């Protein structure tokens, strides 16, 4: 909404009409399937609860995180920020300090007060080893990038860099991921399968609050 400075308490405040939109989420499913032996179940009776359930769940959540940034939108995968209309972008090839400032400025111009950087491991490596300009220190220093905190994470594909307000991402989950066991996957050899399915999607409420660079070198 617009704002009005008042000279005194009798002034009229200019009214703004809200612009209301709708963002739709569609259930998508990502799954893991692992197999094991009867002997493993006997020697480690808690293998399902203590090992497999958290391992499979972590893999599915990581796949969702990566899809939020770089998802193709094909074959059941969500469309990621890198391909979402309205998200700022820049070439990651020989990424310069000037381009970094442009990426951050674009995200802030999208209407947020603060942003953070999230990068894959190779993107961090490249930016920590590159100077802003001669004698000015690395683009990615210990305090972050351009005055904003920066994080390296497997949730971002290895050569990708994203800056934005991640509170503008809303994740939807249909039910709780449940570990299911098929004890008869190969009955003749005493083998079993363990499966976990995560039903989820996400919505970016403010695409203009993000900028992204891919293929960072």
N, C-alpha and C. Protein backbone atom coordinates (compact mmCIF):
# COMPACT_ATOMS: atom_id res chain seq x y z
N UNK A 1 0.82 -1.21 0.00
CA UNK A 1 0.00 0.00 0.00
C UNK A 1 0.85 1.25 0.00
N UNK A 2 0.25 2.32 -0.53
CA UNK A 2 0.93 3.60 -0.49
C UNK A 2 0.88 4.19 0.91
N UNK A 3 1.71 5.19 1.16
CA UNK A 3 1.74 5.83 2.48
C UNK A 3 1.48 7.32 2.33
N UNK A 4 1.02 7.92 3.42
CA UNK A 4 0.71 9.35 3.43
C UNK A 4 1.31 9.99 4.68
N UNK A 5 2.09 11.05 4.48
CA UNK A 5 2.57 11.83 5.63
C UNK A 5 1.49 12.85 6.00
N UNK A 6 1.21 12.94 7.28
CA UNK A 6 0.13 13.78 7.76
C UNK A 6 0.68 15.06 8.37
N UNK A 7 0.14 16.20 7.92
CA UNK A 7 0.54 17.48 8.52
C UNK A 7 -0.18 17.71 9.85
N UNK A 8 -1.39 17.18 9.96
CA UNK A 8 -2.09 17.17 11.24
C UNK A 8 -3.11 16.03 11.22
N UNK A 9 -3.81 15.85 12.34
CA UNK A 9 -4.66 14.67 12.48
C UNK A 9 -5.94 14.73 11.66
N UNK A 10 -6.22 15.87 11.02
CA UNK A 10 -7.43 15.98 10.19
C UNK A 10 -7.17 15.65 8.72
N UNK A 11 -5.93 15.43 8.34
CA UNK A 11 -5.62 15.12 6.94
C UNK A 11 -6.22 13.79 6.54
N UNK A 12 -6.61 13.70 5.27
CA UNK A 12 -7.08 12.44 4.72
C UNK A 12 -5.90 11.56 4.34
N UNK A 13 -6.03 10.28 4.64
CA UNK A 13 -5.02 9.30 4.24
C UNK A 13 -5.42 8.72 2.89
N UNK A 14 -4.51 8.73 1.94
CA UNK A 14 -4.79 8.19 0.61
C UNK A 14 -5.00 6.69 0.70
N UNK A 15 -6.12 6.22 0.19
CA UNK A 15 -6.46 4.80 0.26
C UNK A 15 -5.84 4.04 -0.90
N UNK A 16 -5.35 2.84 -0.60
CA UNK A 16 -4.82 1.94 -1.62
C UNK A 16 -5.77 0.75 -1.76
N UNK A 17 -5.98 0.33 -2.97
CA UNK A 17 -6.77 -0.88 -3.22
C UNK A 17 -5.83 -2.06 -3.34
N UNK A 18 -6.07 -3.14 -2.57
CA UNK A 18 -5.15 -4.28 -2.61
C UNK A 18 -5.24 -5.04 -3.93
N UNK A 19 -4.11 -5.51 -4.37
CA UNK A 19 -4.05 -6.40 -5.52
C UNK A 19 -3.89 -7.82 -4.99
N UNK A 20 -4.90 -8.64 -5.19
CA UNK A 20 -4.92 -9.98 -4.61
C UNK A 20 -4.75 -11.01 -5.72
N UNK A 21 -3.85 -11.95 -5.50
CA UNK A 21 -3.66 -13.02 -6.48
C UNK A 21 -3.77 -14.37 -5.81
N UNK A 22 -3.65 -15.41 -6.60
CA UNK A 22 -3.74 -16.77 -6.08
C UNK A 22 -2.56 -17.59 -6.59
N UNK A 23 -1.91 -18.30 -5.71
CA UNK A 23 -0.82 -19.20 -6.07
C UNK A 23 -1.27 -20.63 -5.80
N UNK A 24 -1.17 -21.48 -6.79
CA UNK A 24 -1.66 -22.85 -6.66
C UNK A 24 -0.51 -23.83 -6.53
N UNK A 25 -0.66 -24.80 -5.63
CA UNK A 25 0.30 -25.89 -5.48
C UNK A 25 -0.36 -27.18 -5.97
N UNK A 26 0.39 -27.99 -6.66
CA UNK A 26 -0.10 -29.27 -7.17
C UNK A 26 0.76 -30.38 -6.61
N UNK A 27 0.15 -31.38 -6.01
CA UNK A 27 0.92 -32.44 -5.37
C UNK A 27 1.84 -33.14 -6.36
N UNK A 28 3.10 -33.22 -5.98
CA UNK A 28 4.10 -33.96 -6.74
C UNK A 28 4.77 -34.93 -5.78
N UNK A 29 5.29 -36.01 -6.31
CA UNK A 29 5.81 -37.07 -5.44
C UNK A 29 7.25 -37.40 -5.81
N UNK A 30 8.10 -37.45 -4.79
CA UNK A 30 9.47 -37.90 -4.95
C UNK A 30 9.68 -39.08 -4.01
N UNK A 31 10.39 -40.09 -4.47
CA UNK A 31 10.44 -41.34 -3.71
C UNK A 31 11.84 -41.94 -3.69
N UNK A 32 12.07 -42.77 -2.67
CA UNK A 32 13.30 -43.56 -2.56
C UNK A 32 12.92 -45.02 -2.35
N UNK A 33 13.73 -45.90 -2.90
CA UNK A 33 13.53 -47.34 -2.73
C UNK A 33 14.88 -47.99 -2.47
N UNK A 34 14.98 -48.67 -1.33
CA UNK A 34 16.21 -49.39 -0.98
C UNK A 34 15.88 -50.84 -0.68
N UNK A 35 16.83 -51.70 -0.95
CA UNK A 35 16.65 -53.12 -0.65
C UNK A 35 17.64 -53.59 0.40
N UNK A 36 17.29 -54.68 1.07
CA UNK A 36 18.19 -55.23 2.08
C UNK A 36 17.91 -56.71 2.29
N UNK A 37 18.61 -57.27 3.24
CA UNK A 37 18.55 -58.72 3.45
C UNK A 37 17.89 -59.07 4.79
N UNK A 38 17.45 -60.30 4.88
CA UNK A 38 16.89 -60.83 6.13
C UNK A 38 17.94 -60.78 7.23
N UNK A 39 19.18 -61.07 6.90
CA UNK A 39 20.24 -61.08 7.89
C UNK A 39 20.41 -59.70 8.52
N UNK A 40 20.31 -58.63 7.71
CA UNK A 40 20.44 -57.28 8.24
C UNK A 40 19.35 -57.00 9.27
N UNK A 41 18.14 -57.41 8.99
CA UNK A 41 17.04 -57.19 9.93
C UNK A 41 17.26 -57.94 11.25
N UNK A 42 17.84 -59.13 11.16
CA UNK A 42 18.08 -59.92 12.37
C UNK A 42 19.21 -59.32 13.20
N UNK A 43 20.28 -58.92 12.54
CA UNK A 43 21.43 -58.39 13.26
C UNK A 43 21.21 -56.95 13.72
N UNK A 44 20.34 -56.24 13.06
CA UNK A 44 20.07 -54.84 13.41
C UNK A 44 18.55 -54.63 13.41
N UNK A 45 17.86 -55.06 14.46
CA UNK A 45 16.39 -55.04 14.47
C UNK A 45 15.79 -53.64 14.32
N UNK A 46 16.54 -52.61 14.68
CA UNK A 46 16.00 -51.24 14.59
C UNK A 46 16.43 -50.53 13.31
N UNK A 47 16.91 -51.29 12.33
CA UNK A 47 17.44 -50.68 11.11
C UNK A 47 16.41 -49.80 10.41
N UNK A 48 15.14 -50.20 10.43
CA UNK A 48 14.12 -49.43 9.71
C UNK A 48 13.90 -48.07 10.37
N UNK A 49 13.70 -48.06 11.69
CA UNK A 49 13.37 -46.82 12.38
C UNK A 49 14.57 -45.90 12.55
N UNK A 50 15.73 -46.48 12.87
CA UNK A 50 16.89 -45.65 13.22
C UNK A 50 17.77 -45.28 12.03
N UNK A 51 17.73 -46.11 10.98
CA UNK A 51 18.64 -45.88 9.86
C UNK A 51 17.88 -45.55 8.57
N UNK A 52 17.02 -46.46 8.15
CA UNK A 52 16.41 -46.29 6.84
C UNK A 52 15.42 -45.13 6.79
N UNK A 53 14.57 -45.01 7.78
CA UNK A 53 13.56 -43.95 7.73
C UNK A 53 14.19 -42.56 7.63
N UNK A 54 15.13 -42.20 8.52
CA UNK A 54 15.75 -40.87 8.37
C UNK A 54 16.60 -40.72 7.12
N UNK A 55 17.24 -41.80 6.69
CA UNK A 55 18.08 -41.73 5.49
C UNK A 55 17.24 -41.47 4.25
N UNK A 56 16.16 -42.22 4.10
CA UNK A 56 15.29 -42.05 2.93
C UNK A 56 14.58 -40.70 2.98
N UNK A 57 14.12 -40.30 4.16
CA UNK A 57 13.45 -39.01 4.28
C UNK A 57 14.40 -37.86 3.94
N UNK A 58 15.63 -37.93 4.41
CA UNK A 58 16.61 -36.88 4.10
C UNK A 58 16.86 -36.77 2.61
N UNK A 59 16.94 -37.92 1.94
CA UNK A 59 17.17 -37.92 0.50
C UNK A 59 16.01 -37.27 -0.24
N UNK A 60 14.78 -37.55 0.18
CA UNK A 60 13.62 -36.97 -0.48
C UNK A 60 13.52 -35.46 -0.22
N UNK A 61 13.78 -35.04 1.02
CA UNK A 61 13.74 -33.61 1.32
C UNK A 61 14.83 -32.86 0.56
N UNK A 62 16.00 -33.47 0.43
CA UNK A 62 17.08 -32.84 -0.33
C UNK A 62 16.68 -32.70 -1.80
N UNK A 63 16.04 -33.72 -2.35
CA UNK A 63 15.59 -33.65 -3.74
C UNK A 63 14.58 -32.52 -3.92
N UNK A 64 13.70 -32.32 -2.93
CA UNK A 64 12.74 -31.22 -3.00
C UNK A 64 13.45 -29.88 -2.95
N UNK A 65 14.41 -29.72 -2.03
CA UNK A 65 15.17 -28.47 -1.94
C UNK A 65 15.85 -28.14 -3.27
N UNK A 66 16.47 -29.14 -3.87
CA UNK A 66 17.17 -28.91 -5.14
C UNK A 66 16.19 -28.57 -6.25
N UNK A 67 15.00 -29.20 -6.22
CA UNK A 67 13.99 -28.90 -7.23
C UNK A 67 13.46 -27.48 -7.09
N UNK A 68 13.36 -26.98 -5.86
CA UNK A 68 12.90 -25.61 -5.65
C UNK A 68 13.82 -24.62 -6.35
N UNK A 69 15.10 -24.90 -6.37
CA UNK A 69 16.05 -24.01 -7.02
C UNK A 69 16.17 -24.30 -8.51
N UNK A 70 16.32 -25.58 -8.87
CA UNK A 70 16.71 -25.91 -10.25
C UNK A 70 15.79 -26.91 -10.93
N UNK A 71 14.61 -27.16 -10.39
CA UNK A 71 13.72 -28.16 -10.96
C UNK A 71 13.34 -27.87 -12.41
N UNK A 72 13.20 -28.93 -13.20
CA UNK A 72 12.94 -28.78 -14.64
C UNK A 72 11.48 -28.52 -14.96
N UNK A 73 10.58 -28.90 -14.04
CA UNK A 73 9.16 -28.81 -14.35
C UNK A 73 8.66 -29.96 -15.20
N UNK A 74 9.52 -30.92 -15.50
CA UNK A 74 9.16 -32.08 -16.33
C UNK A 74 9.23 -33.37 -15.53
N UNK A 75 8.54 -34.41 -16.02
CA UNK A 75 8.60 -35.75 -15.44
C UNK A 75 8.27 -35.73 -13.95
N UNK A 76 7.28 -34.93 -13.57
CA UNK A 76 6.82 -34.91 -12.18
C UNK A 76 7.58 -34.00 -11.26
N UNK A 77 8.63 -33.34 -11.76
CA UNK A 77 9.46 -32.48 -10.92
C UNK A 77 8.91 -31.05 -10.91
N UNK A 78 8.94 -30.35 -9.77
CA UNK A 78 8.50 -28.94 -9.76
C UNK A 78 9.38 -28.09 -10.66
N UNK A 79 8.82 -26.95 -11.09
CA UNK A 79 9.58 -25.97 -11.85
C UNK A 79 10.34 -25.08 -10.88
N UNK A 80 11.66 -25.09 -10.97
CA UNK A 80 12.49 -24.38 -10.00
C UNK A 80 12.60 -22.89 -10.26
N UNK A 81 13.19 -22.19 -9.28
CA UNK A 81 13.38 -20.75 -9.39
C UNK A 81 14.15 -20.37 -10.65
N UNK A 82 15.11 -21.19 -11.05
CA UNK A 82 15.94 -20.86 -12.21
C UNK A 82 15.12 -20.71 -13.48
N UNK A 83 13.92 -21.32 -13.52
CA UNK A 83 13.08 -21.24 -14.72
C UNK A 83 11.75 -20.53 -14.47
N UNK A 84 11.61 -19.89 -13.31
CA UNK A 84 10.36 -19.23 -12.95
C UNK A 84 10.33 -17.81 -13.50
N UNK A 85 9.28 -17.43 -14.24
CA UNK A 85 9.19 -16.06 -14.74
C UNK A 85 9.21 -15.04 -13.60
N UNK A 86 9.94 -13.97 -13.79
CA UNK A 86 10.03 -12.92 -12.78
C UNK A 86 11.25 -13.00 -11.90
N UNK A 87 11.93 -14.16 -11.87
CA UNK A 87 13.16 -14.30 -11.09
C UNK A 87 14.32 -13.71 -11.90
N UNK A 88 15.11 -12.86 -11.25
CA UNK A 88 16.26 -12.27 -11.93
C UNK A 88 17.31 -13.32 -12.25
N UNK A 89 18.11 -13.08 -13.25
CA UNK A 89 19.13 -14.07 -13.63
C UNK A 89 20.35 -13.38 -14.20
N UNK A 90 21.45 -14.11 -14.17
CA UNK A 90 22.70 -13.64 -14.77
C UNK A 90 23.52 -14.85 -15.14
N UNK A 91 24.38 -14.68 -16.12
CA UNK A 91 25.29 -15.76 -16.48
C UNK A 91 26.30 -15.97 -15.36
N UNK A 92 26.52 -17.24 -15.03
CA UNK A 92 27.48 -17.55 -13.98
C UNK A 92 28.91 -17.67 -14.47
N UNK A 93 29.10 -17.57 -15.78
CA UNK A 93 30.45 -17.72 -16.35
C UNK A 93 31.32 -16.54 -15.94
N UNK A 94 32.45 -16.84 -15.28
CA UNK A 94 33.38 -15.79 -14.82
C UNK A 94 32.63 -14.71 -14.05
N UNK A 95 31.82 -15.12 -13.10
CA UNK A 95 30.94 -14.22 -12.35
C UNK A 95 31.76 -13.11 -11.69
N UNK A 96 31.39 -11.86 -11.93
CA UNK A 96 32.17 -10.72 -11.45
C UNK A 96 31.50 -10.06 -10.24
N UNK A 97 32.26 -9.21 -9.56
CA UNK A 97 31.73 -8.45 -8.43
C UNK A 97 30.58 -7.55 -8.86
N UNK A 98 30.70 -6.92 -10.01
CA UNK A 98 29.65 -6.04 -10.50
C UNK A 98 28.36 -6.82 -10.74
N UNK A 99 28.49 -8.03 -11.27
CA UNK A 99 27.30 -8.85 -11.51
C UNK A 99 26.68 -9.29 -10.19
N UNK A 100 27.51 -9.60 -9.20
CA UNK A 100 26.99 -9.98 -7.89
C UNK A 100 26.15 -8.86 -7.29
N UNK A 101 26.64 -7.62 -7.39
CA UNK A 101 25.90 -6.47 -6.87
C UNK A 101 24.59 -6.29 -7.62
N UNK A 102 24.61 -6.55 -8.93
CA UNK A 102 23.39 -6.44 -9.73
C UNK A 102 22.37 -7.49 -9.32
N UNK A 103 22.82 -8.70 -9.05
CA UNK A 103 21.93 -9.76 -8.60
C UNK A 103 21.27 -9.39 -7.27
N UNK A 104 22.07 -8.90 -6.34
CA UNK A 104 21.52 -8.53 -5.04
C UNK A 104 20.55 -7.36 -5.17
N UNK A 105 20.93 -6.36 -5.94
CA UNK A 105 20.06 -5.19 -6.11
C UNK A 105 18.74 -5.59 -6.74
N UNK A 106 18.77 -6.52 -7.68
CA UNK A 106 17.54 -6.97 -8.32
C UNK A 106 16.61 -7.65 -7.34
N UNK A 107 17.16 -8.46 -6.44
CA UNK A 107 16.34 -9.15 -5.44
C UNK A 107 15.73 -8.15 -4.46
N UNK A 108 16.51 -7.19 -4.01
CA UNK A 108 15.99 -6.20 -3.06
C UNK A 108 14.93 -5.32 -3.73
N UNK A 109 15.14 -5.01 -5.01
CA UNK A 109 14.15 -4.20 -5.73
C UNK A 109 12.82 -4.93 -5.86
N UNK A 110 12.84 -6.27 -5.63
CA UNK A 110 11.60 -7.04 -5.68
C UNK A 110 10.69 -6.80 -4.49
N UNK A 111 11.12 -5.98 -3.54
CA UNK A 111 10.22 -5.58 -2.46
C UNK A 111 10.53 -6.16 -1.10
N UNK A 112 11.76 -6.64 -0.87
CA UNK A 112 12.12 -7.19 0.44
C UNK A 112 13.19 -6.32 1.08
N UNK A 113 13.32 -6.44 2.39
CA UNK A 113 14.27 -5.62 3.12
C UNK A 113 15.63 -6.28 3.27
N UNK A 114 15.67 -7.59 3.30
CA UNK A 114 16.94 -8.28 3.49
C UNK A 114 16.95 -9.57 2.69
N UNK A 115 18.14 -9.98 2.30
CA UNK A 115 18.31 -11.19 1.49
C UNK A 115 19.47 -12.00 2.05
N UNK A 116 19.58 -13.23 1.58
CA UNK A 116 20.74 -14.07 1.88
C UNK A 116 21.13 -14.81 0.61
N UNK A 117 22.37 -15.28 0.60
CA UNK A 117 22.91 -16.02 -0.55
C UNK A 117 22.97 -17.51 -0.21
N UNK A 118 22.62 -18.35 -1.17
CA UNK A 118 22.73 -19.81 -1.01
C UNK A 118 23.41 -20.36 -2.26
N UNK A 119 24.42 -21.19 -2.04
CA UNK A 119 25.25 -21.63 -3.16
C UNK A 119 25.60 -23.10 -3.05
N UNK A 120 25.87 -23.69 -4.21
CA UNK A 120 26.45 -25.03 -4.24
C UNK A 120 27.94 -24.97 -3.96
N UNK A 121 28.52 -26.13 -3.72
CA UNK A 121 29.92 -26.18 -3.29
C UNK A 121 30.88 -25.58 -4.31
N UNK A 122 30.69 -25.88 -5.60
CA UNK A 122 31.60 -25.35 -6.62
C UNK A 122 31.45 -23.83 -6.77
N UNK A 123 30.22 -23.33 -6.61
CA UNK A 123 30.02 -21.89 -6.69
C UNK A 123 30.74 -21.19 -5.55
N UNK A 124 30.65 -21.75 -4.33
CA UNK A 124 31.38 -21.16 -3.21
C UNK A 124 32.88 -21.16 -3.48
N UNK A 125 33.39 -22.27 -3.95
CA UNK A 125 34.82 -22.38 -4.22
C UNK A 125 35.28 -21.31 -5.20
N UNK A 126 34.51 -21.12 -6.27
CA UNK A 126 34.90 -20.13 -7.28
C UNK A 126 34.90 -18.72 -6.71
N UNK A 127 33.89 -18.39 -5.91
CA UNK A 127 33.74 -17.01 -5.43
C UNK A 127 34.67 -16.69 -4.26
N UNK A 128 35.05 -17.70 -3.48
CA UNK A 128 36.03 -17.47 -2.42
C UNK A 128 37.43 -17.26 -2.99
N UNK A 129 37.65 -17.76 -4.19
CA UNK A 129 38.97 -17.63 -4.79
C UNK A 129 39.09 -16.48 -5.77
N UNK A 130 38.05 -15.65 -5.89
CA UNK A 130 38.09 -14.55 -6.86
C UNK A 130 37.99 -13.21 -6.14
N UNK A 131 38.85 -12.28 -6.51
CA UNK A 131 38.82 -10.95 -5.89
C UNK A 131 37.68 -10.11 -6.44
N UNK A 132 37.15 -9.22 -5.59
CA UNK A 132 36.17 -8.24 -6.05
C UNK A 132 36.81 -7.38 -7.14
N UNK A 133 37.94 -6.85 -6.81
CA UNK A 133 38.82 -6.14 -7.73
C UNK A 133 40.19 -6.13 -7.07
N UNK A 134 41.19 -5.71 -7.76
CA UNK A 134 42.57 -5.86 -7.29
C UNK A 134 42.75 -5.31 -5.88
N UNK A 135 43.16 -6.18 -4.95
CA UNK A 135 43.47 -5.79 -3.59
C UNK A 135 42.27 -5.62 -2.67
N UNK A 136 41.06 -5.94 -3.15
CA UNK A 136 39.85 -5.70 -2.36
C UNK A 136 39.36 -6.94 -1.61
N UNK A 137 40.06 -8.04 -1.75
CA UNK A 137 39.64 -9.26 -1.06
C UNK A 137 38.65 -10.07 -1.88
N UNK A 138 38.33 -11.29 -1.41
CA UNK A 138 37.47 -12.19 -2.20
C UNK A 138 36.03 -11.73 -2.25
N UNK A 139 35.33 -12.13 -3.31
CA UNK A 139 33.90 -11.83 -3.44
C UNK A 139 33.14 -12.43 -2.26
N UNK A 140 33.48 -13.68 -1.92
CA UNK A 140 32.83 -14.36 -0.80
C UNK A 140 33.80 -14.37 0.36
N UNK A 141 33.59 -13.49 1.33
CA UNK A 141 34.44 -13.44 2.50
C UNK A 141 33.81 -14.15 3.68
N UNK A 142 34.47 -14.09 4.81
CA UNK A 142 33.96 -14.78 6.00
C UNK A 142 32.63 -14.21 6.48
N UNK A 143 32.38 -12.95 6.18
CA UNK A 143 31.13 -12.30 6.62
C UNK A 143 30.00 -12.45 5.61
N UNK A 144 30.28 -13.12 4.48
CA UNK A 144 29.24 -13.32 3.47
C UNK A 144 29.58 -12.63 2.18
N UNK A 145 28.56 -12.19 1.45
CA UNK A 145 28.74 -11.56 0.15
C UNK A 145 27.98 -10.24 0.13
N UNK A 146 28.67 -9.18 -0.14
CA UNK A 146 28.05 -7.85 -0.31
C UNK A 146 27.15 -7.49 0.84
N UNK A 147 27.60 -7.77 2.06
CA UNK A 147 26.85 -7.37 3.24
C UNK A 147 25.69 -8.27 3.61
N UNK A 148 25.52 -9.38 2.91
CA UNK A 148 24.44 -10.32 3.21
C UNK A 148 25.04 -11.68 3.56
N UNK A 149 24.42 -12.44 4.48
CA UNK A 149 24.97 -13.75 4.84
C UNK A 149 24.94 -14.70 3.65
N UNK A 150 25.94 -15.58 3.61
CA UNK A 150 26.06 -16.54 2.51
C UNK A 150 26.28 -17.93 3.08
N UNK A 151 25.66 -18.92 2.44
CA UNK A 151 25.71 -20.30 2.92
C UNK A 151 25.98 -21.24 1.75
N UNK A 152 26.79 -22.24 2.01
CA UNK A 152 27.03 -23.31 1.05
C UNK A 152 26.26 -24.54 1.49
N UNK A 153 25.51 -25.14 0.58
CA UNK A 153 24.64 -26.23 0.96
C UNK A 153 24.39 -27.19 -0.19
N UNK A 154 24.20 -28.46 0.14
CA UNK A 154 23.86 -29.46 -0.88
C UNK A 154 22.44 -29.25 -1.40
N UNK A 155 21.65 -28.41 -0.74
CA UNK A 155 20.30 -28.13 -1.20
C UNK A 155 20.29 -27.30 -2.49
N UNK A 156 21.45 -26.74 -2.84
CA UNK A 156 21.58 -26.00 -4.09
C UNK A 156 22.55 -26.78 -4.98
N UNK A 157 22.18 -27.00 -6.23
CA UNK A 157 23.06 -27.74 -7.13
C UNK A 157 24.42 -27.06 -7.19
N UNK A 158 25.45 -27.85 -7.41
CA UNK A 158 26.82 -27.48 -7.07
C UNK A 158 27.34 -26.21 -7.74
N UNK A 159 26.84 -25.86 -8.94
CA UNK A 159 27.37 -24.69 -9.64
C UNK A 159 26.36 -23.55 -9.71
N UNK A 160 25.43 -23.51 -8.75
CA UNK A 160 24.35 -22.52 -8.76
C UNK A 160 24.47 -21.58 -7.57
N UNK A 161 24.07 -20.33 -7.76
CA UNK A 161 24.07 -19.32 -6.71
C UNK A 161 22.72 -18.60 -6.73
N UNK A 162 22.09 -18.51 -5.56
CA UNK A 162 20.78 -17.85 -5.45
C UNK A 162 20.86 -16.78 -4.38
N UNK A 163 20.26 -15.63 -4.64
CA UNK A 163 20.14 -14.59 -3.63
C UNK A 163 18.67 -14.17 -3.56
N UNK A 164 18.16 -14.01 -2.35
CA UNK A 164 16.77 -13.61 -2.21
C UNK A 164 16.28 -13.75 -0.78
N UNK A 165 14.99 -13.53 -0.62
CA UNK A 165 14.33 -13.66 0.68
C UNK A 165 13.60 -14.99 0.71
N UNK A 166 14.21 -15.98 1.37
CA UNK A 166 13.67 -17.34 1.31
C UNK A 166 12.43 -17.52 2.18
N UNK A 167 12.05 -16.49 2.93
CA UNK A 167 10.76 -16.57 3.61
C UNK A 167 9.61 -16.44 2.63
N UNK A 168 9.91 -16.07 1.39
CA UNK A 168 8.88 -15.96 0.36
C UNK A 168 8.63 -17.28 -0.35
N UNK A 169 9.30 -18.35 0.11
CA UNK A 169 9.05 -19.71 -0.41
C UNK A 169 8.14 -20.44 0.57
N UNK A 170 7.03 -20.97 0.09
CA UNK A 170 6.11 -21.75 0.91
C UNK A 170 6.09 -23.19 0.39
N UNK A 171 6.38 -24.13 1.28
CA UNK A 171 6.38 -25.55 0.92
C UNK A 171 5.09 -26.19 1.42
N UNK A 172 4.44 -26.93 0.55
CA UNK A 172 3.22 -27.66 0.88
C UNK A 172 3.52 -29.15 0.93
N UNK A 173 3.02 -29.81 1.95
CA UNK A 173 3.22 -31.26 2.11
C UNK A 173 1.86 -31.92 2.33
N UNK A 174 1.60 -32.96 1.57
CA UNK A 174 0.37 -33.73 1.72
C UNK A 174 0.67 -34.95 2.59
N UNK A 175 0.25 -34.90 3.85
CA UNK A 175 0.51 -36.01 4.75
C UNK A 175 1.97 -36.09 5.17
N UNK A 176 2.29 -37.09 5.95
CA UNK A 176 3.65 -37.31 6.42
C UNK A 176 4.32 -38.41 5.62
N UNK A 177 5.59 -38.22 5.23
CA UNK A 177 6.31 -39.31 4.56
C UNK A 177 6.34 -40.54 5.46
N UNK A 178 5.98 -41.68 4.92
CA UNK A 178 5.89 -42.90 5.70
C UNK A 178 6.77 -43.98 5.09
N UNK A 179 7.57 -44.61 5.94
CA UNK A 179 8.39 -45.73 5.49
C UNK A 179 7.52 -46.97 5.37
N UNK A 180 7.52 -47.61 4.21
CA UNK A 180 6.74 -48.84 3.98
C UNK A 180 7.69 -49.96 3.57
N UNK A 181 7.44 -51.13 4.10
CA UNK A 181 8.33 -52.28 3.89
C UNK A 181 7.61 -53.36 3.11
N UNK A 182 8.26 -53.86 2.10
CA UNK A 182 7.81 -55.07 1.41
C UNK A 182 8.73 -56.21 1.82
N UNK A 183 8.28 -57.10 2.75
CA UNK A 183 9.18 -58.15 3.25
C UNK A 183 9.35 -59.31 2.29
N UNK A 184 8.65 -59.27 1.16
CA UNK A 184 8.67 -60.40 0.23
C UNK A 184 9.20 -59.99 -1.15
N UNK A 185 10.09 -58.99 -1.18
CA UNK A 185 10.60 -58.51 -2.46
C UNK A 185 11.25 -59.64 -3.26
N UNK A 186 11.98 -60.48 -2.58
CA UNK A 186 12.58 -61.68 -3.20
C UNK A 186 12.54 -62.76 -2.14
N UNK A 187 11.38 -63.38 -1.96
CA UNK A 187 11.14 -64.30 -0.85
C UNK A 187 12.11 -65.47 -0.84
N UNK A 188 12.46 -65.95 -2.03
CA UNK A 188 13.34 -67.11 -2.11
C UNK A 188 14.73 -66.85 -1.56
N UNK A 189 15.15 -65.59 -1.50
CA UNK A 189 16.47 -65.26 -0.99
C UNK A 189 16.41 -64.43 0.29
N UNK A 190 15.21 -64.22 0.83
CA UNK A 190 15.08 -63.48 2.08
C UNK A 190 15.39 -62.01 1.95
N UNK A 191 15.04 -61.41 0.80
CA UNK A 191 15.31 -60.00 0.58
C UNK A 191 14.04 -59.17 0.76
N UNK A 192 14.21 -57.89 1.06
CA UNK A 192 13.07 -56.99 1.25
C UNK A 192 13.38 -55.64 0.62
N UNK A 193 12.34 -54.83 0.41
CA UNK A 193 12.48 -53.47 -0.08
C UNK A 193 11.87 -52.49 0.92
N UNK A 194 12.49 -51.33 1.04
CA UNK A 194 11.96 -50.26 1.87
C UNK A 194 11.72 -49.04 0.98
N UNK A 195 10.51 -48.46 1.10
CA UNK A 195 10.13 -47.34 0.23
C UNK A 195 9.63 -46.17 1.06
N UNK A 196 10.01 -44.95 0.65
CA UNK A 196 9.47 -43.74 1.26
C UNK A 196 9.08 -42.78 0.14
N UNK A 197 7.88 -42.20 0.24
CA UNK A 197 7.38 -41.26 -0.75
C UNK A 197 7.04 -39.94 -0.07
N UNK A 198 7.55 -38.84 -0.60
CA UNK A 198 7.23 -37.51 -0.10
C UNK A 198 6.34 -36.82 -1.13
N UNK A 199 5.13 -36.44 -0.70
CA UNK A 199 4.18 -35.74 -1.57
C UNK A 199 4.22 -34.26 -1.21
N UNK A 200 4.71 -33.44 -2.12
CA UNK A 200 4.94 -32.04 -1.78
C UNK A 200 4.96 -31.16 -3.02
N UNK A 201 4.93 -29.88 -2.80
CA UNK A 201 5.13 -28.87 -3.85
C UNK A 201 5.52 -27.57 -3.14
N UNK A 202 5.83 -26.56 -3.90
CA UNK A 202 6.18 -25.26 -3.30
C UNK A 202 5.59 -24.15 -4.15
N UNK A 203 5.47 -22.99 -3.54
CA UNK A 203 5.06 -21.79 -4.24
C UNK A 203 6.02 -20.66 -3.88
N UNK A 204 6.49 -19.93 -4.87
CA UNK A 204 7.28 -18.73 -4.64
C UNK A 204 6.32 -17.55 -4.66
N UNK A 205 6.12 -16.93 -3.51
CA UNK A 205 5.15 -15.85 -3.40
C UNK A 205 5.60 -14.58 -4.13
N UNK A 206 6.92 -14.37 -4.20
CA UNK A 206 7.43 -13.14 -4.81
C UNK A 206 8.64 -13.48 -5.68
N UNK A 207 8.42 -13.92 -6.92
CA UNK A 207 9.57 -14.27 -7.78
C UNK A 207 10.57 -13.13 -7.94
N UNK A 208 10.10 -11.88 -7.94
CA UNK A 208 11.01 -10.75 -8.13
C UNK A 208 11.96 -10.57 -6.96
N UNK A 209 11.71 -11.25 -5.85
CA UNK A 209 12.58 -11.15 -4.67
C UNK A 209 13.76 -12.11 -4.75
N UNK A 210 13.98 -12.73 -5.90
CA UNK A 210 15.08 -13.67 -6.08
C UNK A 210 15.85 -13.36 -7.36
N UNK A 211 17.14 -13.64 -7.30
CA UNK A 211 17.99 -13.62 -8.48
C UNK A 211 18.86 -14.86 -8.44
N UNK A 212 19.23 -15.38 -9.59
CA UNK A 212 19.94 -16.66 -9.63
C UNK A 212 20.98 -16.64 -10.75
N UNK A 213 22.10 -17.28 -10.48
CA UNK A 213 23.14 -17.48 -11.50
C UNK A 213 23.44 -18.97 -11.57
N UNK A 214 23.47 -19.51 -12.75
CA UNK A 214 23.77 -20.93 -12.93
C UNK A 214 25.10 -21.10 -13.67
N UNK A 215 25.63 -22.29 -13.61
CA UNK A 215 26.93 -22.60 -14.24
C UNK A 215 28.01 -21.63 -13.79
N UNK A 216 28.07 -21.42 -12.46
CA UNK A 216 29.03 -20.47 -11.90
C UNK A 216 30.45 -21.00 -12.06
N UNK A 217 31.31 -20.16 -12.61
CA UNK A 217 32.73 -20.52 -12.76
C UNK A 217 33.58 -19.34 -12.31
